[in-house]
Amino acid sequence: MRIAALVVGILGGIVGLILGFTSYSLLAVAGNGSSAVVVYQVVAIGAPVLTLIGGGLALSRPIPAAILMIIGAVGMAYVFGFSSWTAIPIVLAVVGAILAFLGAGHAHRRMA
């Protein structure tokens, strides 16, 4: 479960980062530099980064990883909305968080 959470969380973060960079550049061109545009730009990059960090933590600390992936999914839903393209990273982040929560109950096996 933890390895699946790692893979799905990192995939969600990468796809979200692609959308985040696209949103960031479009807001830079279309926006007039107001504070609302800057907040959207920061969240457009920050939410996928939180998802990536959560995916990376899924093996060692699954509960904080799941929380970070949920925060990233909520941030991506806030900035990108929920459409057919933006559903991909949001759903991947939520599935990764669920898998991390489920993997937290299993005893950590010691690798020899």
Foldseek 3Di string as FASTA:
>chain_A
DLLLLLVLLQVLLVLLQVVLVVLLVVLVVPPPPDPVSVVLNCLSNVLSVLSNVLSVCLQPQLQSSLVSLQSSLVSLCVNVNDDPSSVRSSVSSNVSSVVSVVVVPDDRDDDD
